[in-house]
PDB file of N, CA and C in Angstrom:
ATOM      1  N   MET A   1       0.811  -1.189   0.000  1.00  0.00           N
ATOM      2  CA  MET A   1       0.000   0.000   0.000  1.00  0.00           C
ATOM      3  C   MET A   1       0.864   1.267   0.000  1.00  0.00           C
ATOM      4  N   THR A   2       1.861   1.339   0.857  1.00  0.00           N
ATOM      5  CA  THR A   2       2.662   2.558   0.953  1.00  0.00           C
ATOM      6  C   THR A   2       3.447   2.815  -0.322  1.00  0.00           C
ATOM      7  N   ASP A   3       3.997   1.762  -0.909  1.00  0.00           N
ATOM      8  CA  ASP A   3       4.753   1.983  -2.138  1.00  0.00           C
ATOM      9  C   ASP A   3       3.838   2.428  -3.275  1.00  0.00           C
ATOM     10  N   GLU A   4       2.572   2.043  -3.239  1.00  0.00           N
ATOM     11  CA  GLU A   4       1.613   2.487  -4.255  1.00  0.00           C
ATOM     12  C   GLU A   4       1.373   3.993  -4.156  1.00  0.00           C
ATOM     13  N   ILE A   5       1.399   4.529  -2.946  1.00  0.00           N
ATOM     14  CA  ILE A   5       1.238   5.976  -2.766  1.00  0.00           C
ATOM     15  C   ILE A   5       2.375   6.695  -3.485  1.00  0.00           C
ATOM     16  N   ALA A   6       3.592   6.229  -3.272  1.00  0.00           N
ATOM     17  CA  ALA A   6       4.755   6.853  -3.911  1.00  0.00           C
ATOM     18  C   ALA A   6       4.706   6.682  -5.427  1.00  0.00           C
ATOM     19  N   LEU A   7       4.296   5.518  -5.894  1.00  0.00           N
ATOM     20  CA  LEU A   7       4.201   5.293  -7.341  1.00  0.00           C
ATOM     21  C   LEU A   7       3.126   6.178  -7.966  1.00  0.00           C
ATOM     22  N   ASP A   8       2.001   6.329  -7.287  1.00  0.00           N
ATOM     23  CA  ASP A   8       0.944   7.209  -7.798  1.00  0.00           C
ATOM     24  C   ASP A   8       1.434   8.652  -7.879  1.00  0.00           C
ATOM     25  N   LEU A   9       2.165   9.097  -6.856  1.00  0.00           N
ATOM     26  CA  LEU A   9       2.709  10.450  -6.902  1.00  0.00           C
ATOM     27  C   LEU A   9       3.675  10.580  -8.074  1.00  0.00           C
ATOM     28  N   ASP A  10       4.511   9.577  -8.264  1.00  0.00           N
ATOM     29  CA  ASP A  10       5.478   9.615  -9.354  1.00  0.00           C
ATOM     30  C   ASP A  10       4.770   9.756 -10.700  1.00  0.00           C
ATOM     31  N   HIS A  11       3.727   9.000 -10.906  1.00  0.00           N
ATOM     32  CA  HIS A  11       2.981   9.082 -12.175  1.00  0.00           C
ATOM     33  C   HIS A  11       2.348  10.465 -12.340  1.00  0.00           C
ATOM     34  N   GLY A  12       1.728  10.962 -11.289  1.00  0.00           N
ATOM     35  CA  GLY A  12       1.103  12.278 -11.351  1.00  0.00           C
ATOM     36  C   GLY A  12       2.119  13.395 -11.501  1.00  0.00           C
ATOM     37  N   PHE A  13       3.241  13.260 -10.815  1.00  0.00           N
ATOM     38  CA  PHE A  13       4.279  14.289 -10.858  1.00  0.00           C
ATOM     39  C   PHE A  13       4.831  14.447 -12.274  1.00  0.00           C
ATOM     40  N   ARG A  14       4.897  13.368 -13.014  1.00  0.00           N
ATOM     41  CA  ARG A  14       5.381  13.435 -14.401  1.00  0.00           C
ATOM     42  C   ARG A  14       4.466  14.288 -15.278  1.00  0.00           C
ATOM     43  N   MET A  15       3.209  14.412 -14.882  1.00  0.00           N
ATOM     44  CA  MET A  15       2.242  15.198 -15.654  1.00  0.00           C
ATOM     45  C   MET A  15       2.094  16.624 -15.131  1.00  0.00           C
ATOM     46  N   ALA A  16       2.730  16.951 -14.021  1.00  0.00           N
ATOM     47  CA  ALA A  16       2.511  18.245 -13.359  1.00  0.00           C
ATOM     48  C   ALA A  16       2.829  19.429 -14.270  1.00  0.00           C
ATOM     49  N   GLY A  17       3.935  19.365 -14.980  1.00  0.00           N
ATOM     50  CA  GLY A  17       4.303  20.468 -15.876  1.00  0.00           C
ATOM     51  C   GLY A  17       3.240  20.728 -16.928  1.00  0.00           C
ATOM     52  N   GLN A  18       2.729  19.676 -17.496  1.00  0.00           N
ATOM     53  CA  GLN A  18       1.675  19.810 -18.509  1.00  0.00           C
ATOM     54  C   GLN A  18       0.391  20.363 -17.877  1.00  0.00           C
ATOM     55  N   LEU A  19       0.079  19.917 -16.669  1.00  0.00           N
ATOM     56  CA  LEU A  19      -1.113  20.427 -15.982  1.00  0.00           C
ATOM     57  C   LEU A  19      -0.994  21.916 -15.704  1.00  0.00           C
ATOM     58  N   VAL A  20       0.214  22.376 -15.372  1.00  0.00           N
ATOM     59  CA  VAL A  20       0.448  23.806 -15.160  1.00  0.00           C
ATOM     60  C   VAL A  20       0.239  24.547 -16.475  1.00  0.00           C
ATOM     61  N   GLU A  21       0.820  24.028 -17.553  1.00  0.00           N
ATOM     62  CA  GLU A  21       0.674  24.666 -18.870  1.00  0.00           C
ATOM     63  C   GLU A  21      -0.786  24.782 -19.283  1.00  0.00           C
ATOM     64  N   GLU A  22      -1.579  23.794 -18.940  1.00  0.00           N
ATOM     65  CA  GLU A  22      -2.996  23.780 -19.312  1.00  0.00           C
ATOM     66  C   GLU A  22      -3.869  24.549 -18.323  1.00  0.00           C
ATOM     67  N   GLY A  23      -3.260  25.125 -17.291  1.00  0.00           N
ATOM     68  CA  GLY A  23      -4.003  25.902 -16.321  1.00  0.00           C
ATOM     69  C   GLY A  23      -4.798  25.064 -15.336  1.00  0.00           C
ATOM     70  N   LEU A  24      -4.475  23.777 -15.227  1.00  0.00           N
ATOM     71  CA  LEU A  24      -5.190  22.885 -14.330  1.00  0.00           C
ATOM     72  C   LEU A  24      -4.503  22.725 -12.978  1.00  0.00           C
ATOM     73  N   LEU A  25      -3.308  23.259 -12.858  1.00  0.00           N
ATOM     74  CA  LEU A  25      -2.538  23.187 -11.620  1.00  0.00           C
ATOM     75  C   LEU A  25      -1.781  24.496 -11.475  1.00  0.00           C
ATOM     76  N   HIS A  26      -1.836  25.075 -10.288  1.00  0.00           N
ATOM     77  CA  HIS A  26      -1.138  26.337 -10.039  1.00  0.00           C
ATOM     78  C   HIS A  26       0.372  26.094 -10.060  1.00  0.00           C
ATOM     79  N   PRO A  27       1.132  26.974 -10.713  1.00  0.00           N
ATOM     80  CA  PRO A  27       2.594  26.798 -10.760  1.00  0.00           C
ATOM     81  C   PRO A  27       3.244  26.718  -9.379  1.00  0.00           C
ATOM     82  N   ALA A  28       2.639  27.354  -8.381  1.00  0.00           N
ATOM     83  CA  ALA A  28       3.206  27.331  -7.030  1.00  0.00           C
ATOM     84  C   ALA A  28       3.176  25.939  -6.418  1.00  0.00           C
ATOM     85  N   ALA A  29       2.415  25.024  -7.007  1.00  0.00           N
ATOM     86  CA  ALA A  29       2.364  23.651  -6.493  1.00  0.00           C
ATOM     87  C   ALA A  29       3.636  22.873  -6.829  1.00  0.00           C
ATOM     88  N   LEU A  30       4.316  23.269  -7.883  1.00  0.00           N
ATOM     89  CA  LEU A  30       5.470  22.483  -8.346  1.00  0.00           C
ATOM     90  C   LEU A  30       6.575  22.319  -7.310  1.00  0.00           C
ATOM     91  N   PRO A  31       6.994  23.367  -6.598  1.00  0.00           N
ATOM     92  CA  PRO A  31       8.052  23.150  -5.591  1.00  0.00           C
ATOM     93  C   PRO A  31       7.642  22.149  -4.504  1.00  0.00           C
ATOM     94  N   ASP A  32       6.387  22.217  -4.074  1.00  0.00           N
ATOM     95  CA  ASP A  32       5.925  21.275  -3.053  1.00  0.00           C
ATOM     96  C   ASP A  32       5.882  19.854  -3.608  1.00  0.00           C
ATOM     97  N   LEU A  33       5.435  19.697  -4.841  1.00  0.00           N
ATOM     98  CA  LEU A  33       5.405  18.368  -5.452  1.00  0.00           C
ATOM     99  C   LEU A  33       6.823  17.824  -5.641  1.00  0.00           C
ATOM    100  N   ARG A  34       7.758  18.705  -6.013  1.00  0.00           N
ATOM    101  CA  ARG A  34       9.163  18.282  -6.132  1.00  0.00           C
ATOM    102  C   ARG A  34       9.708  17.835  -4.775  1.00  0.00           C
ATOM    103  N   ALA A  35       9.336  18.570  -3.739  1.00  0.00           N
ATOM    104  CA  ALA A  35       9.808  18.221  -2.392  1.00  0.00           C
ATOM    105  C   ALA A  35       9.266  16.857  -1.965  1.00  0.00           C
ATOM    106  N   ILE A  36       7.992  16.589  -2.256  1.00  0.00           N
ATOM    107  CA  ILE A  36       7.427  15.275  -1.929  1.00  0.00           C
ATOM    108  C   ILE A  36       8.156  14.193  -2.704  1.00  0.00           C
ATOM    109  N   ASP A  37       8.410  14.445  -3.970  1.00  0.00           N
ATOM    110  CA  ASP A  37       9.134  13.476  -4.795  1.00  0.00           C
ATOM    111  C   ASP A  37      10.525  13.218  -4.207  1.00  0.00           C
ATOM    112  N   SER A  38      11.185  14.264  -3.736  1.00  0.00           N
ATOM    113  CA  SER A  38      12.519  14.115  -3.128  1.00  0.00           C
ATOM    114  C   SER A  38      12.454  13.309  -1.835  1.00  0.00           C
ATOM    115  N   ILE A  39      11.412  13.546  -1.037  1.00  0.00           N
ATOM    116  CA  ILE A  39      11.242  12.784   0.203  1.00  0.00           C
ATOM    117  C   ILE A  39      11.108  11.305  -0.112  1.00  0.00           C
ATOM    118  N   PHE A  40      10.255  10.978  -1.075  1.00  0.00           N
ATOM    119  CA  PHE A  40      10.056   9.578  -1.439  1.00  0.00           C
ATOM    120  C   PHE A  40      11.322   8.976  -2.052  1.00  0.00           C
ATOM    121  N   ASP A  41      12.063   9.782  -2.810  1.00  0.00           N
ATOM    122  CA  ASP A  41      13.324   9.298  -3.379  1.00  0.00           C
ATOM    123  C   ASP A  41      14.315   8.968  -2.268  1.00  0.00           C
ATOM    124  N   GLU A  42      14.406   9.853  -1.284  1.00  0.00           N
ATOM    125  CA  GLU A  42      15.293   9.616  -0.138  1.00  0.00           C
ATOM    126  C   GLU A  42      14.866   8.352   0.619  1.00  0.00           C
ATOM    127  N   MET A  43      13.567   8.194   0.809  1.00  0.00           N
ATOM    128  CA  MET A  43      13.063   7.017   1.516  1.00  0.00           C
ATOM    129  C   MET A  43      13.373   5.735   0.744  1.00  0.00           C
ATOM    130  N   THR A  44      13.340   5.806  -0.565  1.00  0.00           N
ATOM    131  CA  THR A  44      13.634   4.645  -1.404  1.00  0.00           C
ATOM    132  C   THR A  44      15.097   4.228  -1.260  1.00  0.00           C
ATOM    133  N   ARG A  45      15.973   5.207  -1.097  1.00  0.00           N
ATOM    134  CA  ARG A  45      17.405   4.905  -0.957  1.00  0.00           C
ATOM    135  C   ARG A  45      17.759   4.396   0.431  1.00  0.00           C
ATOM    136  N   ASP A  46      16.873   4.611   1.397  1.00  0.00           N
ATOM    137  CA  ASP A  46      17.103   4.153   2.768  1.00  0.00           C
ATOM    138  C   ASP A  46      16.974   2.624   2.799  1.00  0.00           C
ATOM    139  N   PRO A  47      17.995   1.912   3.272  1.00  0.00           N
ATOM    140  CA  PRO A  47      17.953   0.451   3.243  1.00  0.00           C
ATOM    141  C   PRO A  47      16.980  -0.192   4.234  1.00  0.00           C
ATOM    142  N   SER A  48      16.485   0.566   5.200  1.00  0.00           N
ATOM    143  CA  SER A  48      15.589  -0.049   6.182  1.00  0.00           C
ATOM    144  C   SER A  48      14.176  -0.159   5.600  1.00  0.00           C
ATOM    145  N   PRO A  49      13.604  -1.352   5.646  1.00  0.00           N
ATOM    146  CA  PRO A  49      12.270  -1.551   5.069  1.00  0.00           C
ATOM    147  C   PRO A  49      11.154  -0.921   5.899  1.00  0.00           C
ATOM    148  N   GLY A  50      11.451  -0.529   7.131  1.00  0.00           N
ATOM    149  CA  GLY A  50      10.441   0.018   8.019  1.00  0.00           C
ATOM    150  C   GLY A  50       9.786   1.293   7.520  1.00  0.00           C
ATOM    151  N   ARG A  51      10.475   2.051   6.683  1.00  0.00           N
ATOM    152  CA  ARG A  51       9.913   3.315   6.188  1.00  0.00           C
ATOM    153  C   ARG A  51       8.738   3.089   5.250  1.00  0.00           C
ATOM    154  N   TRP A  52       8.596   1.860   4.758  1.00  0.00           N
ATOM    155  CA  TRP A  52       7.507   1.556   3.826  1.00  0.00           C
ATOM    156  C   TRP A  52       6.441   0.684   4.474  1.00  0.00           C
ATOM    157  N   SER A  53       6.494   0.566   5.783  1.00  0.00           N
ATOM    158  CA  SER A  53       5.476  -0.210   6.491  1.00  0.00           C
ATOM    159  C   SER A  53       4.230   0.644   6.688  1.00  0.00           C
ATOM    160  N   THR A  54       3.132  -0.016   6.976  1.00  0.00           N
ATOM    161  CA  THR A  54       1.889   0.707   7.254  1.00  0.00           C
ATOM    162  C   THR A  54       2.052   1.591   8.487  1.00  0.00           C
ATOM    163  N   ALA A  55       2.747   1.091   9.496  1.00  0.00           N
ATOM    164  CA  ALA A  55       2.967   1.875  10.715  1.00  0.00           C
ATOM    165  C   ALA A  55       3.744   3.155  10.411  1.00  0.00           C
ATOM    166  N   ALA A  56       4.655   3.099   9.444  1.00  0.00           N
ATOM    167  CA  ALA A  56       5.460   4.273   9.101  1.00  0.00           C
ATOM    168  C   ALA A  56       4.600   5.434   8.604  1.00  0.00           C
ATOM    169  N   LEU A  57       3.454   5.129   8.002  1.00  0.00           N
ATOM    170  CA  LEU A  57       2.564   6.203   7.546  1.00  0.00           C
ATOM    171  C   LEU A  57       2.223   7.156   8.688  1.00  0.00           C
ATOM    172  N   PHE A  58       2.170   6.625   9.900  1.00  0.00           N
ATOM    173  CA  PHE A  58       1.787   7.416  11.062  1.00  0.00           C
ATOM    174  C   PHE A  58       2.976   7.868  11.893  1.00  0.00           C
ATOM    175  N   GLU A  59       4.103   7.176  11.767  1.00  0.00           N
ATOM    176  CA  GLU A  59       5.230   7.407  12.669  1.00  0.00           C
ATOM    177  C   GLU A  59       6.444   8.060  12.024  1.00  0.00           C
ATOM    178  N   ASP A  60       6.651   7.852  10.748  1.00  0.00           N
ATOM    179  CA  ASP A  60       7.863   8.296  10.065  1.00  0.00           C
ATOM    180  C   ASP A  60       7.788   9.793   9.728  1.00  0.00           C
ATOM    181  N   ALA A  61       8.855  10.507  10.013  1.00  0.00           N
ATOM    182  CA  ALA A  61       8.892  11.956   9.757  1.00  0.00           C
ATOM    183  C   ALA A  61       8.768  12.269   8.271  1.00  0.00           C
ATOM    184  N   GLY A  62       9.317  11.413   7.416  1.00  0.00           N
ATOM    185  CA  GLY A  62       9.212  11.633   5.975  1.00  0.00           C
ATOM    186  C   GLY A  62       7.773  11.603   5.494  1.00  0.00           C
ATOM    187  N   TRP A  63       7.020  10.625   5.984  1.00  0.00           N
ATOM    188  CA  TRP A  63       5.606  10.546   5.625  1.00  0.00           C
ATOM    189  C   TRP A  63       4.848  11.755   6.165  1.00  0.00           C
ATOM    190  N   GLY A  64       5.186  12.191   7.363  1.00  0.00           N
ATOM    191  CA  GLY A  64       4.539  13.364   7.941  1.00  0.00           C
ATOM    192  C   GLY A  64       4.793  14.609   7.111  1.00  0.00           C
ATOM    193  N   ARG A  65       6.031  14.785   6.699  1.00  0.00           N
ATOM    194  CA  ARG A  65       6.383  15.954   5.863  1.00  0.00           C
ATOM    195  C   ARG A  65       5.689  15.871   4.509  1.00  0.00           C
ATOM    196  N   ALA A  66       5.633  14.684   3.910  1.00  0.00           N
ATOM    197  CA  ALA A  66       4.949  14.521   2.620  1.00  0.00           C
ATOM    198  C   ALA A  66       3.469  14.882   2.755  1.00  0.00           C
ATOM    199  N   ARG A  67       2.848  14.474   3.862  1.00  0.00           N
ATOM    200  CA  ARG A  67       1.439  14.818   4.087  1.00  0.00           C
ATOM    201  C   ARG A  67       1.248  16.329   4.215  1.00  0.00           C
ATOM    202  N   GLU A  68       2.155  16.981   4.950  1.00  0.00           N
ATOM    203  CA  GLU A  68       2.097  18.439   5.105  1.00  0.00           C
ATOM    204  C   GLU A  68       2.131  19.135   3.755  1.00  0.00           C
ATOM    205  N   LEU A  69       3.093  18.733   2.945  1.00  0.00           N
ATOM    206  CA  LEU A  69       3.256  19.347   1.627  1.00  0.00           C
ATOM    207  C   LEU A  69       2.057  19.057   0.731  1.00  0.00           C
ATOM    208  N   ALA A  70       1.574  17.831   0.761  1.00  0.00           N
ATOM    209  CA  ALA A  70       0.424  17.463  -0.061  1.00  0.00           C
ATOM    210  C   ALA A  70      -0.805  18.264   0.356  1.00  0.00           C
ATOM    211  N   ARG A  71      -0.986  18.426   1.661  1.00  0.00           N
ATOM    212  CA  ARG A  71      -2.123  19.210   2.159  1.00  0.00           C
ATOM    213  C   ARG A  71      -2.016  20.653   1.665  1.00  0.00           C
ATOM    214  N   ARG A  72      -0.807  21.192   1.679  1.00  0.00           N
ATOM    215  CA  ARG A  72      -0.593  22.567   1.213  1.00  0.00           C
ATOM    216  C   ARG A  72      -0.954  22.701  -0.264  1.00  0.00           C
ATOM    217  N   VAL A  73      -0.572  21.715  -1.064  1.00  0.00           N
ATOM    218  CA  VAL A  73      -0.917  21.735  -2.489  1.00  0.00           C
ATOM    219  C   VAL A  73      -2.432  21.687  -2.658  1.00  0.00           C
ATOM    220  N   LEU A  74      -3.070  20.788  -1.936  1.00  0.00           N
ATOM    221  CA  LEU A  74      -4.526  20.642  -2.069  1.00  0.00           C
ATOM    222  C   LEU A  74      -5.252  21.921  -1.660  1.00  0.00           C
ATOM    223  N   VAL A  75      -4.825  22.530  -0.568  1.00  0.00           N
ATOM    224  CA  VAL A  75      -5.457  23.769  -0.115  1.00  0.00           C
ATOM    225  C   VAL A  75      -5.259  24.859  -1.169  1.00  0.00           C
ATOM    226  N   ARG A  76      -4.060  24.950  -1.715  1.00  0.00           N
ATOM    227  CA  ARG A  76      -3.775  25.949  -2.738  1.00  0.00           C
ATOM    228  C   ARG A  76      -4.658  25.735  -3.970  1.00  0.00           C
ATOM    229  N   GLU A  77      -4.972  24.477  -4.224  1.00  0.00           N
ATOM    230  CA  GLU A  77      -5.810  24.154  -5.383  1.00  0.00           C
ATOM    231  C   GLU A  77      -7.299  24.281  -5.082  1.00  0.00           C
ATOM    232  N   GLY A  78      -7.620  24.701  -3.865  1.00  0.00           N
ATOM    233  CA  GLY A  78      -9.011  24.929  -3.521  1.00  0.00           C
ATOM    234  C   GLY A  78      -9.735  23.735  -2.930  1.00  0.00           C
ATOM    235  N   VAL A  79      -8.974  22.712  -2.546  1.00  0.00           N
ATOM    236  CA  VAL A  79      -9.574  21.543  -1.912  1.00  0.00           C
ATOM    237  C   VAL A  79      -9.623  21.791  -0.409  1.00  0.00           C
ATOM    238  N   ASP A  80     -10.768  21.573   0.189  1.00  0.00           N
ATOM    239  CA  ASP A  80     -10.924  21.758   1.626  1.00  0.00           C
ATOM    240  C   ASP A  80     -10.240  20.597   2.345  1.00  0.00           C
ATOM    241  N   ALA A  81      -9.070  20.854   2.909  1.00  0.00           N
ATOM    242  CA  ALA A  81      -8.281  19.796   3.556  1.00  0.00           C
ATOM    243  C   ALA A  81      -8.965  19.233   4.790  1.00  0.00           C
ATOM    244  N   SER A  82      -9.936  19.946   5.334  1.00  0.00           N
ATOM    245  CA  SER A  82     -10.612  19.428   6.520  1.00  0.00           C
ATOM    246  C   SER A  82     -11.560  18.285   6.186  1.00  0.00           C
ATOM    247  N   VAL A  83     -11.885  18.111   4.923  1.00  0.00           N
ATOM    248  CA  VAL A  83     -12.796  17.028   4.541  1.00  0.00           C
ATOM    249  C   VAL A  83     -12.065  15.874   3.857  1.00  0.00           C
ATOM    250  N   LEU A  84     -10.744  15.889   3.929  1.00  0.00           N
ATOM    251  CA  LEU A  84      -9.984  14.787   3.342  1.00  0.00           C
ATOM    252  C   LEU A  84     -10.234  13.521   4.144  1.00  0.00           C
ATOM    253  N   PRO A  85     -10.280  12.376   3.482  1.00  0.00           N
ATOM    254  CA  PRO A  85     -10.574  11.134   4.207  1.00  0.00           C
ATOM    255  C   PRO A  85      -9.431  10.740   5.138  1.00  0.00           C
ATOM    256  N   GLU A  86      -9.785  10.093   6.213  1.00  0.00           N
ATOM    257  CA  GLU A  86      -8.803   9.507   7.116  1.00  0.00           C
ATOM    258  C   GLU A  86      -8.242   8.263   6.444  1.00  0.00           C
ATOM    259  N   ILE A  87      -6.990   7.961   6.701  1.00  0.00           N
ATOM    260  CA  ILE A  87      -6.402   6.714   6.202  1.00  0.00           C
ATOM    261  C   ILE A  87      -6.783   5.620   7.172  1.00  0.00           C
ATOM    262  N   ARG A  88      -7.416   4.601   6.676  1.00  0.00           N
ATOM    263  CA  ARG A  88      -7.804   3.466   7.506  1.00  0.00           C
ATOM    264  C   ARG A  88      -7.257   2.205   6.861  1.00  0.00           C
ATOM    265  N   VAL A  89      -6.635   1.395   7.663  1.00  0.00           N
ATOM    266  CA  VAL A  89      -6.066   0.144   7.182  1.00  0.00           C
ATOM    267  C   VAL A  89      -6.883  -0.997   7.768  1.00  0.00           C
ATOM    268  N   ILE A  90      -7.400  -1.834   6.888  1.00  0.00           N
ATOM    269  CA  ILE A  90      -8.182  -2.998   7.308  1.00  0.00           C
ATOM    270  C   ILE A  90      -7.312  -4.220   7.106  1.00  0.00           C
ATOM    271  N   ARG A  91      -7.128  -4.962   8.170  1.00  0.00           N
ATOM    272  CA  ARG A  91      -6.278  -6.153   8.076  1.00  0.00           C
ATOM    273  C   ARG A  91      -7.104  -7.390   8.227  1.00  0.00           C
TER     274      ARG A  91
END
């Protein structure tokens, strides 16, 4: 599940420049999206598998920073961050 989040961001991030050109994404979102991409890149290079565990979503500083940045992008894009869904893991 956690690696899918990073892969989804990677796919979307590749389209960000085009979305800005088409007026569908504010240019100010790009630095935050780059920062999230860098966080995930750093986490990928980290040899400890714990950063990609479900528990890490709640405990790891990298995931926390990525959430902060993502929330900032969403708010800038006019999405009400207070109504974002909670992450729930069903085992």
